Amino acid sequence: MAKKPTQEPEEEIIYVSKSELKRDAQQYHQLGVDIAQLGKKQREKLPLSPELVAAMELADKLRGKHDAYRRHLNFIAKQLRTTINVEELQQGLDLLLNRNNQADVLLNQVEQLRDELIAKGDEKINTLLEAHPTLERQKLRQLVRQAKKEHQAEKPGKSSKELFQLLKELILP
């Protein structure tokens, strides 16, 4: 009896170049640097393993010692390479870093709204009250009127600041 050769499916070998490995290592290193530069409270919001938390605390202590800090950042990058949830860490870091940019955009929108209220007066107040009926019409009109007077008299804008705070409380959570 002749044995039939068993044909096993050949596993596909994926070749990864040395350059690609170096790029990946550099990305892990940069991720480690970015996380190490965050404050302790911001780091608590990220899903870090206990080993990484301890490594980050040590990185804070080594920050003034250049070579030791650099070597420790390399160690953190090595720890990140063995971490399973690197994508989750990157997304969390992106959210933390972009949150400040989003807040700046919202504050700019509030400033523009305040300037439009001062420039257009009752017309803009009515459209704002339609969108946000919880606002007090009288207080809003009073602040806009006082801000116009201060702007025309070239005085510091106390009412303008109050109007900004009122709009900021309305728009920002």
N, C-alpha and C. Protein backbone atom coordinates (compact mmCIF):
# COMPACT_ATOMS: atom_id res chain seq x y z
N MET A 1 0.82 -1.17 0.00
CA MET A 1 0.00 0.00 0.00
C MET A 1 0.87 1.24 0.00
N ALA A 2 0.64 2.04 -0.94
CA ALA A 2 1.40 3.27 -1.06
C ALA A 2 0.70 4.38 -0.28
N LYS A 3 1.48 5.10 0.43
CA LYS A 3 0.91 6.21 1.18
C LYS A 3 0.73 7.40 0.26
N LYS A 4 -0.41 7.99 0.40
CA LYS A 4 -0.66 9.20 -0.39
C LYS A 4 -0.04 10.39 0.33
N PRO A 5 0.66 11.20 -0.39
CA PRO A 5 1.24 12.37 0.27
C PRO A 5 0.12 13.31 0.73
N THR A 6 0.18 13.70 1.97
CA THR A 6 -0.82 14.64 2.49
C THR A 6 -0.43 16.05 2.08
N GLN A 7 -1.40 16.70 1.56
CA GLN A 7 -1.13 18.08 1.12
C GLN A 7 -1.70 19.03 2.16
N GLU A 8 -0.83 19.68 2.85
CA GLU A 8 -1.25 20.67 3.82
C GLU A 8 -1.16 22.03 3.16
N PRO A 9 -2.12 22.87 3.44
CA PRO A 9 -2.05 24.20 2.84
C PRO A 9 -0.82 24.94 3.37
N GLU A 10 -0.10 25.50 2.45
CA GLU A 10 1.10 26.23 2.84
C GLU A 10 0.71 27.55 3.48
N GLU A 11 1.35 27.84 4.57
CA GLU A 11 1.09 29.10 5.24
C GLU A 11 1.80 30.21 4.46
N GLU A 12 1.08 31.27 4.32
CA GLU A 12 1.64 32.38 3.57
C GLU A 12 2.58 33.15 4.48
N ILE A 13 3.78 33.32 4.05
CA ILE A 13 4.78 34.03 4.84
C ILE A 13 4.71 35.50 4.45
N ILE A 14 4.50 36.31 5.46
CA ILE A 14 4.43 37.75 5.23
C ILE A 14 5.79 38.34 5.58
N TYR A 15 6.40 38.91 4.59
CA TYR A 15 7.72 39.50 4.77
C TYR A 15 7.55 40.95 5.22
N VAL A 16 8.19 41.28 6.32
CA VAL A 16 8.18 42.64 6.82
C VAL A 16 9.60 43.17 6.72
N SER A 17 9.75 44.26 6.01
CA SER A 17 11.09 44.80 5.80
C SER A 17 11.64 45.43 7.08
N LYS A 18 12.93 45.55 7.12
CA LYS A 18 13.59 46.15 8.27
C LYS A 18 13.16 47.61 8.44
N SER A 19 12.98 48.29 7.32
CA SER A 19 12.56 49.70 7.37
C SER A 19 11.18 49.84 7.99
N GLU A 20 10.30 48.91 7.64
CA GLU A 20 8.95 48.96 8.21
C GLU A 20 8.99 48.70 9.72
N LEU A 21 9.83 47.77 10.14
CA LEU A 21 9.98 47.51 11.57
C LEU A 21 10.51 48.75 12.29
N LYS A 22 11.44 49.45 11.66
CA LYS A 22 11.99 50.66 12.27
C LYS A 22 10.93 51.76 12.36
N ARG A 23 10.11 51.88 11.30
CA ARG A 23 9.04 52.88 11.33
C ARG A 23 8.05 52.57 12.45
N ASP A 24 7.70 51.30 12.59
CA ASP A 24 6.79 50.90 13.67
C ASP A 24 7.40 51.22 15.03
N ALA A 25 8.68 50.91 15.20
CA ALA A 25 9.36 51.19 16.46
C ALA A 25 9.36 52.69 16.75
N GLN A 26 9.55 53.50 15.71
CA GLN A 26 9.54 54.95 15.88
C GLN A 26 8.14 55.44 16.28
N GLN A 27 7.10 54.84 15.71
CA GLN A 27 5.73 55.22 16.07
C GLN A 27 5.45 54.88 17.53
N TYR A 28 5.89 53.71 17.97
CA TYR A 28 5.71 53.33 19.38
C TYR A 28 6.48 54.28 20.29
N HIS A 29 7.68 54.65 19.87
CA HIS A 29 8.48 55.58 20.66
C HIS A 29 7.78 56.94 20.77
N GLN A 30 7.24 57.43 19.65
CA GLN A 30 6.55 58.73 19.66
C GLN A 30 5.29 58.66 20.51
N LEU A 31 4.58 57.55 20.45
CA LEU A 31 3.39 57.37 21.29
C LEU A 31 3.79 57.42 22.76
N GLY A 32 4.88 56.75 23.11
CA GLY A 32 5.37 56.78 24.48
C GLY A 32 5.76 58.17 24.92
N VAL A 33 6.43 58.92 24.05
CA VAL A 33 6.82 60.29 24.37
C VAL A 33 5.58 61.16 24.59
N ASP A 34 4.60 61.02 23.70
CA ASP A 34 3.37 61.82 23.83
C ASP A 34 2.64 61.51 25.13
N ILE A 35 2.57 60.25 25.49
CA ILE A 35 1.88 59.87 26.73
C ILE A 35 2.68 60.36 27.93
N ALA A 36 4.01 60.26 27.88
CA ALA A 36 4.85 60.70 29.00
C ALA A 36 4.76 62.21 29.21
N GLN A 37 4.48 62.97 28.16
CA GLN A 37 4.39 64.42 28.29
C GLN A 37 3.06 64.88 28.87
N LEU A 38 2.08 63.98 28.91
CA LEU A 38 0.80 64.34 29.50
C LEU A 38 0.92 64.47 31.01
N GLY A 39 -0.01 65.19 31.59
CA GLY A 39 -0.06 65.27 33.03
C GLY A 39 -0.62 63.98 33.62
N LYS A 40 -0.46 63.83 34.92
CA LYS A 40 -0.88 62.59 35.58
C LYS A 40 -2.39 62.39 35.46
N LYS A 41 -3.16 63.46 35.62
CA LYS A 41 -4.62 63.33 35.54
C LYS A 41 -5.08 62.97 34.13
N GLN A 42 -4.39 63.52 33.13
CA GLN A 42 -4.76 63.17 31.76
C GLN A 42 -4.40 61.72 31.46
N ARG A 43 -3.27 61.27 32.01
CA ARG A 43 -2.86 59.88 31.78
C ARG A 43 -3.84 58.90 32.40
N GLU A 44 -4.48 59.29 33.51
CA GLU A 44 -5.44 58.41 34.16
C GLU A 44 -6.64 58.12 33.27
N LYS A 45 -6.90 58.99 32.33
CA LYS A 45 -8.03 58.79 31.41
C LYS A 45 -7.72 57.78 30.33
N LEU A 46 -6.44 57.44 30.15
CA LEU A 46 -6.04 56.49 29.12
C LEU A 46 -6.04 55.07 29.69
N PRO A 47 -6.34 54.08 28.85
CA PRO A 47 -6.35 52.68 29.32
C PRO A 47 -4.93 52.10 29.38
N LEU A 48 -4.16 52.50 30.39
CA LEU A 48 -2.78 52.03 30.53
C LEU A 48 -2.73 50.82 31.45
N SER A 49 -1.84 49.90 31.13
CA SER A 49 -1.63 48.74 32.00
C SER A 49 -0.88 49.20 33.25
N PRO A 50 -0.94 48.43 34.33
CA PRO A 50 -0.22 48.83 35.55
C PRO A 50 1.29 49.00 35.33
N GLU A 51 1.86 48.17 34.45
CA GLU A 51 3.30 48.30 34.17
C GLU A 51 3.60 49.64 33.50
N LEU A 52 2.72 50.03 32.57
CA LEU A 52 2.93 51.32 31.89
C LEU A 52 2.71 52.50 32.83
N VAL A 53 1.74 52.36 33.75
CA VAL A 53 1.51 53.44 34.72
C VAL A 53 2.76 53.63 35.57
N ALA A 54 3.34 52.52 36.04
CA ALA A 54 4.56 52.60 36.84
C ALA A 54 5.71 53.18 36.02
N ALA A 55 5.81 52.79 34.76
CA ALA A 55 6.87 53.31 33.89
C ALA A 55 6.69 54.81 33.65
N MET A 56 5.46 55.27 33.52
CA MET A 56 5.20 56.69 33.31
C MET A 56 5.55 57.49 34.56
N GLU A 57 5.26 56.94 35.74
CA GLU A 57 5.62 57.63 36.98
C GLU A 57 7.13 57.76 37.10
N LEU A 58 7.84 56.71 36.73
CA LEU A 58 9.30 56.77 36.76
C LEU A 58 9.82 57.77 35.72
N ALA A 59 9.15 57.84 34.58
CA ALA A 59 9.55 58.80 33.55
C ALA A 59 9.42 60.23 34.08
N ASP A 60 8.37 60.49 34.87
CA ASP A 60 8.21 61.82 35.46
C ASP A 60 9.40 62.15 36.36
N LYS A 61 9.87 61.16 37.11
CA LYS A 61 11.00 61.39 38.02
C LYS A 61 12.31 61.59 37.25
N LEU A 62 12.43 60.94 36.10
CA LEU A 62 13.68 61.00 35.33
C LEU A 62 13.72 62.16 34.33
N ARG A 63 12.69 62.96 34.29
CA ARG A 63 12.57 63.98 33.24
C ARG A 63 13.77 64.92 33.17
N GLY A 64 14.40 65.24 34.26
CA GLY A 64 15.53 66.17 34.24
C GLY A 64 16.84 65.54 33.83
N LYS A 65 16.92 64.24 33.89
CA LYS A 65 18.16 63.53 33.55
C LYS A 65 18.05 63.05 32.12
N HIS A 66 18.75 63.71 31.22
CA HIS A 66 18.54 63.54 29.78
C HIS A 66 18.75 62.10 29.30
N ASP A 67 19.90 61.52 29.55
CA ASP A 67 20.19 60.18 29.02
C ASP A 67 19.31 59.12 29.67
N ALA A 68 19.12 59.23 30.98
CA ALA A 68 18.28 58.24 31.66
C ALA A 68 16.84 58.34 31.16
N TYR A 69 16.38 59.57 30.94
CA TYR A 69 15.02 59.77 30.44
C TYR A 69 14.88 59.19 29.03
N ARG A 70 15.87 59.40 28.18
CA ARG A 70 15.83 58.87 26.82
C ARG A 70 15.79 57.35 26.84
N ARG A 71 16.63 56.73 27.66
CA ARG A 71 16.64 55.26 27.76
C ARG A 71 15.32 54.75 28.29
N HIS A 72 14.76 55.48 29.25
CA HIS A 72 13.48 55.04 29.82
C HIS A 72 12.36 55.17 28.79
N LEU A 73 12.41 56.19 27.95
CA LEU A 73 11.41 56.31 26.88
C LEU A 73 11.54 55.14 25.90
N ASN A 74 12.76 54.69 25.66
CA ASN A 74 12.94 53.50 24.82
C ASN A 74 12.31 52.28 25.49
N PHE A 75 12.45 52.19 26.80
CA PHE A 75 11.84 51.08 27.55
C PHE A 75 10.31 51.15 27.44
N ILE A 76 9.76 52.36 27.55
CA ILE A 76 8.31 52.54 27.44
C ILE A 76 7.84 52.11 26.05
N ALA A 77 8.61 52.47 25.02
CA ALA A 77 8.26 52.06 23.65
C ALA A 77 8.26 50.54 23.54
N LYS A 78 9.21 49.89 24.19
CA LYS A 78 9.26 48.42 24.18
C LYS A 78 8.04 47.84 24.89
N GLN A 79 7.64 48.47 25.99
CA GLN A 79 6.44 48.02 26.70
C GLN A 79 5.20 48.20 25.82
N LEU A 80 5.16 49.29 25.08
CA LEU A 80 4.02 49.54 24.20
C LEU A 80 3.94 48.51 23.07
N ARG A 81 5.10 48.05 22.60
CA ARG A 81 5.09 47.04 21.54
C ARG A 81 4.45 45.74 21.99
N THR A 82 4.56 45.45 23.28
CA THR A 82 3.96 44.21 23.80
C THR A 82 2.53 44.43 24.28
N THR A 83 2.08 45.67 24.27
CA THR A 83 0.72 45.97 24.71
C THR A 83 -0.28 45.61 23.61
N ILE A 84 -1.40 45.06 24.02
CA ILE A 84 -2.41 44.62 23.06
C ILE A 84 -3.24 45.79 22.54
N ASN A 85 -3.58 46.72 23.39
CA ASN A 85 -4.53 47.78 23.04
C ASN A 85 -3.85 49.08 22.60
N VAL A 86 -2.89 48.99 21.72
CA VAL A 86 -2.17 50.19 21.27
C VAL A 86 -3.10 51.12 20.49
N GLU A 87 -3.98 50.56 19.65
CA GLU A 87 -4.91 51.39 18.88
C GLU A 87 -5.83 52.16 19.83
N GLU A 88 -6.26 51.48 20.89
CA GLU A 88 -7.13 52.12 21.87
C GLU A 88 -6.39 53.27 22.57
N LEU A 89 -5.13 53.04 22.89
CA LEU A 89 -4.31 54.09 23.50
C LEU A 89 -4.16 55.28 22.56
N GLN A 90 -3.91 55.00 21.29
CA GLN A 90 -3.73 56.07 20.31
C GLN A 90 -5.01 56.88 20.15
N GLN A 91 -6.15 56.21 20.12
CA GLN A 91 -7.43 56.91 19.99
C GLN A 91 -7.69 57.78 21.23
N GLY A 92 -7.41 57.23 22.41
CA GLY A 92 -7.60 58.00 23.63
C GLY A 92 -6.70 59.23 23.67
N LEU A 93 -5.46 59.06 23.23
CA LEU A 93 -4.52 60.17 23.19
C LEU A 93 -4.98 61.23 22.19
N ASP A 94 -5.46 60.79 21.04
CA ASP A 94 -5.96 61.74 20.04
C ASP A 94 -7.14 62.53 20.59
N LEU A 95 -8.03 61.86 21.31
CA LEU A 95 -9.17 62.56 21.91
C LEU A 95 -8.70 63.60 22.92
N LEU A 96 -7.74 63.23 23.76
CA LEU A 96 -7.23 64.18 24.75
C LEU A 96 -6.58 65.39 24.09
N LEU A 97 -5.79 65.14 23.07
CA LEU A 97 -5.08 66.25 22.42
C LEU A 97 -6.00 67.11 21.58
N ASN A 98 -7.04 66.54 21.00
CA ASN A 98 -7.96 67.31 20.17
C ASN A 98 -9.01 68.03 20.98
N ARG A 99 -9.22 67.59 22.21
CA ARG A 99 -10.25 68.23 23.03
C ARG A 99 -9.94 69.71 23.19
N ASN A 100 -8.69 70.06 23.37
CA ASN A 100 -8.32 71.47 23.50
C ASN A 100 -8.61 72.24 22.22
N ASN A 101 -8.34 71.64 21.08
CA ASN A 101 -8.61 72.30 19.80
C ASN A 101 -10.11 72.51 19.62
N GLN A 102 -10.92 71.52 20.01
CA GLN A 102 -12.36 71.65 19.89
C GLN A 102 -12.88 72.75 20.80
N ALA A 103 -12.32 72.86 22.00
CA ALA A 103 -12.73 73.91 22.92
C ALA A 103 -12.39 75.28 22.35
N ASP A 104 -11.23 75.41 21.71
CA ASP A 104 -10.85 76.68 21.10
C ASP A 104 -11.82 77.06 19.98
N VAL A 105 -12.23 76.09 19.19
CA VAL A 105 -13.17 76.34 18.10
C VAL A 105 -14.50 76.82 18.68
N LEU A 106 -14.96 76.16 19.75
CA LEU A 106 -16.23 76.56 20.36
C LEU A 106 -16.13 77.97 20.95
N LEU A 107 -15.01 78.30 21.59
CA LEU A 107 -14.85 79.64 22.14
C LEU A 107 -14.82 80.69 21.04
N ASN A 108 -14.21 80.37 19.91
CA ASN A 108 -14.23 81.30 18.78
C ASN A 108 -15.64 81.50 18.26
N GLN A 109 -16.44 80.44 18.24
CA GLN A 109 -17.84 80.56 17.81
C GLN A 109 -18.62 81.45 18.77
N VAL A 110 -18.36 81.30 20.07
CA VAL A 110 -19.04 82.14 21.06
C VAL A 110 -18.65 83.60 20.87
N GLU A 111 -17.37 83.86 20.62
CA GLU A 111 -16.93 85.24 20.38
C GLU A 111 -17.60 85.83 19.14
N GLN A 112 -17.69 85.05 18.07
CA GLN A 112 -18.34 85.53 16.85
C GLN A 112 -19.81 85.82 17.11
N LEU A 113 -20.47 84.94 17.87
CA LEU A 113 -21.88 85.15 18.18
C LEU A 113 -22.06 86.43 18.99
N ARG A 114 -21.16 86.65 19.96
CA ARG A 114 -21.24 87.87 20.76
C ARG A 114 -21.06 89.11 19.89
N ASP A 115 -20.09 89.07 18.98
CA ASP A 115 -19.85 90.21 18.09
C ASP A 115 -21.04 90.45 17.17
N GLU A 116 -21.66 89.37 16.68
CA GLU A 116 -22.85 89.52 15.83
C GLU A 116 -24.00 90.11 16.63
N LEU A 117 -24.16 89.68 17.88
CA LEU A 117 -25.23 90.24 18.72
C LEU A 117 -25.03 91.74 18.92
N ILE A 118 -23.80 92.13 19.17
CA ILE A 118 -23.52 93.56 19.38
C ILE A 118 -23.73 94.34 18.09
N ALA A 119 -23.34 93.78 16.96
CA ALA A 119 -23.46 94.48 15.68
C ALA A 119 -24.90 94.54 15.17
N LYS A 120 -25.63 93.43 15.24
CA LYS A 120 -26.96 93.37 14.64
C LYS A 120 -28.10 93.66 15.60
N GLY A 121 -27.86 93.55 16.90
CA GLY A 121 -28.87 93.92 17.88
C GLY A 121 -30.06 92.98 17.95
N ASP A 122 -31.29 93.59 17.95
CA ASP A 122 -32.53 92.83 18.18
C ASP A 122 -32.75 91.73 17.14
N GLU A 123 -32.35 91.95 15.92
CA GLU A 123 -32.55 90.94 14.87
C GLU A 123 -31.84 89.64 15.25
N LYS A 124 -30.59 89.74 15.67
CA LYS A 124 -29.82 88.55 16.04
C LYS A 124 -30.30 87.99 17.38
N ILE A 125 -30.74 88.86 18.28
CA ILE A 125 -31.27 88.40 19.57
C ILE A 125 -32.49 87.52 19.36
N ASN A 126 -33.38 87.93 18.45
CA ASN A 126 -34.59 87.14 18.19
C ASN A 126 -34.25 85.77 17.61
N THR A 127 -33.30 85.71 16.68
CA THR A 127 -32.94 84.41 16.12
C THR A 127 -32.27 83.53 17.18
N LEU A 128 -31.50 84.13 18.08
CA LEU A 128 -30.87 83.36 19.15
C LEU A 128 -31.91 82.84 20.13
N LEU A 129 -32.91 83.67 20.43
CA LEU A 129 -33.96 83.24 21.35
C LEU A 129 -34.84 82.14 20.75
N GLU A 130 -35.00 82.14 19.43
CA GLU A 130 -35.75 81.06 18.79
C GLU A 130 -34.99 79.74 18.92
N ALA A 131 -33.68 79.81 18.80
CA ALA A 131 -32.86 78.60 18.91
C ALA A 131 -32.72 78.15 20.37
N HIS A 132 -32.67 79.11 21.30
CA HIS A 132 -32.48 78.80 22.72
C HIS A 132 -33.53 79.56 23.53
N PRO A 133 -34.73 79.01 23.67
CA PRO A 133 -35.80 79.73 24.36
C PRO A 133 -35.59 79.89 25.87
N THR A 134 -34.62 79.22 26.45
CA THR A 134 -34.40 79.33 27.89
C THR A 134 -33.68 80.62 28.28
N LEU A 135 -33.13 81.32 27.31
CA LEU A 135 -32.44 82.58 27.60
C LEU A 135 -33.44 83.66 28.01
N GLU A 136 -32.98 84.57 28.87
CA GLU A 136 -33.82 85.69 29.28
C GLU A 136 -33.62 86.83 28.29
N ARG A 137 -34.72 87.22 27.64
CA ARG A 137 -34.65 88.26 26.62
C ARG A 137 -34.18 89.59 27.21
N GLN A 138 -34.73 89.94 28.37
CA GLN A 138 -34.42 91.24 28.95
C GLN A 138 -32.93 91.35 29.31
N LYS A 139 -32.40 90.33 29.95
CA LYS A 139 -30.99 90.36 30.35
C LYS A 139 -30.09 90.40 29.12
N LEU A 140 -30.45 89.62 28.11
CA LEU A 140 -29.66 89.57 26.88
C LEU A 140 -29.65 90.94 26.19
N ARG A 141 -30.82 91.54 26.06
CA ARG A 141 -30.90 92.86 25.41
C ARG A 141 -30.14 93.92 26.20
N GLN A 142 -30.24 93.83 27.52
CA GLN A 142 -29.55 94.80 28.37
C GLN A 142 -28.03 94.68 28.20
N LEU A 143 -27.52 93.46 28.20
CA LEU A 143 -26.08 93.26 28.03
C LEU A 143 -25.61 93.72 26.66
N VAL A 144 -26.40 93.45 25.63
CA VAL A 144 -26.03 93.87 24.27
C VAL A 144 -26.02 95.39 24.19
N ARG A 145 -27.03 96.04 24.76
CA ARG A 145 -27.11 97.50 24.72
C ARG A 145 -25.93 98.14 25.47
N GLN A 146 -25.60 97.60 26.66
CA GLN A 146 -24.47 98.15 27.42
C GLN A 146 -23.14 97.90 26.70
N ALA A 147 -23.01 96.74 26.07
CA ALA A 147 -21.78 96.42 25.33
C ALA A 147 -21.61 97.38 24.15
N LYS A 148 -22.72 97.73 23.48
CA LYS A 148 -22.64 98.70 22.38
C LYS A 148 -22.17 100.06 22.88
N LYS A 149 -22.72 100.50 24.02
CA LYS A 149 -22.33 101.79 24.59
C LYS A 149 -20.85 101.79 24.96
N GLU A 150 -20.40 100.70 25.58
CA GLU A 150 -18.99 100.62 25.97
C GLU A 150 -18.08 100.61 24.75
N HIS A 151 -18.53 99.94 23.70
CA HIS A 151 -17.73 99.87 22.48
C HIS A 151 -17.63 101.24 21.82
N GLN A 152 -18.74 101.98 21.81
CA GLN A 152 -18.73 103.31 21.20
C GLN A 152 -17.91 104.29 22.03
N ALA A 153 -17.95 104.14 23.35
CA ALA A 153 -17.19 105.03 24.23
C ALA A 153 -15.74 104.57 24.38
N GLU A 154 -15.39 103.47 23.75
CA GLU A 154 -14.05 102.89 23.79
C GLU A 154 -13.60 102.63 25.22
N LYS A 155 -14.52 102.12 26.04
CA LYS A 155 -14.21 101.72 27.40
C LYS A 155 -13.93 100.22 27.42
N PRO A 156 -13.28 99.75 28.48
CA PRO A 156 -13.11 98.30 28.61
C PRO A 156 -14.47 97.61 28.67
N GLY A 157 -14.61 96.49 28.01
CA GLY A 157 -15.91 95.85 27.83
C GLY A 157 -16.35 94.94 28.96
N LYS A 158 -16.84 95.52 30.06
CA LYS A 158 -17.34 94.71 31.16
C LYS A 158 -18.61 93.97 30.73
N SER A 159 -19.51 94.65 30.09
CA SER A 159 -20.75 94.02 29.64
C SER A 159 -20.48 93.02 28.53
N SER A 160 -19.51 93.33 27.71
CA SER A 160 -19.14 92.41 26.64
C SER A 160 -18.63 91.09 27.23
N LYS A 161 -17.86 91.19 28.31
CA LYS A 161 -17.37 89.98 28.99
C LYS A 161 -18.52 89.20 29.62
N GLU A 162 -19.46 89.93 30.24
CA GLU A 162 -20.62 89.26 30.83
C GLU A 162 -21.45 88.55 29.76
N LEU A 163 -21.62 89.20 28.63
CA LEU A 163 -22.36 88.61 27.51
C LEU A 163 -21.64 87.35 27.01
N PHE A 164 -20.32 87.43 26.93
CA PHE A 164 -19.53 86.27 26.51
C PHE A 164 -19.72 85.11 27.49
N GLN A 165 -19.68 85.40 28.79
CA GLN A 165 -19.85 84.34 29.79
C GLN A 165 -21.24 83.72 29.69
N LEU A 166 -22.25 84.55 29.47
CA LEU A 166 -23.62 84.04 29.33
C LEU A 166 -23.73 83.12 28.13
N LEU A 167 -23.18 83.52 27.01
CA LEU A 167 -23.23 82.70 25.79
C LEU A 167 -22.39 81.44 25.94
N LYS A 168 -21.26 81.56 26.64
CA LYS A 168 -20.39 80.39 26.84
C LYS A 168 -21.11 79.33 27.68
N GLU A 169 -21.82 79.76 28.72
CA GLU A 169 -22.58 78.81 29.54
C GLU A 169 -23.67 78.14 28.73
N LEU A 170 -24.22 78.88 27.78
CA LEU A 170 -25.29 78.34 26.95
C LEU A 170 -24.75 77.31 25.95
N ILE A 171 -23.65 77.62 25.30
CA ILE A 171 -23.15 76.78 24.21
C ILE A 171 -22.25 75.65 24.71
N LEU A 172 -21.32 75.97 25.61
CA LEU A 172 -20.41 74.92 26.09
C LEU A 172 -21.09 74.10 27.18
N PRO A 173 -20.87 72.78 27.18
CA PRO A 173 -21.49 71.94 28.21
C PRO A 173 -20.85 72.13 29.56
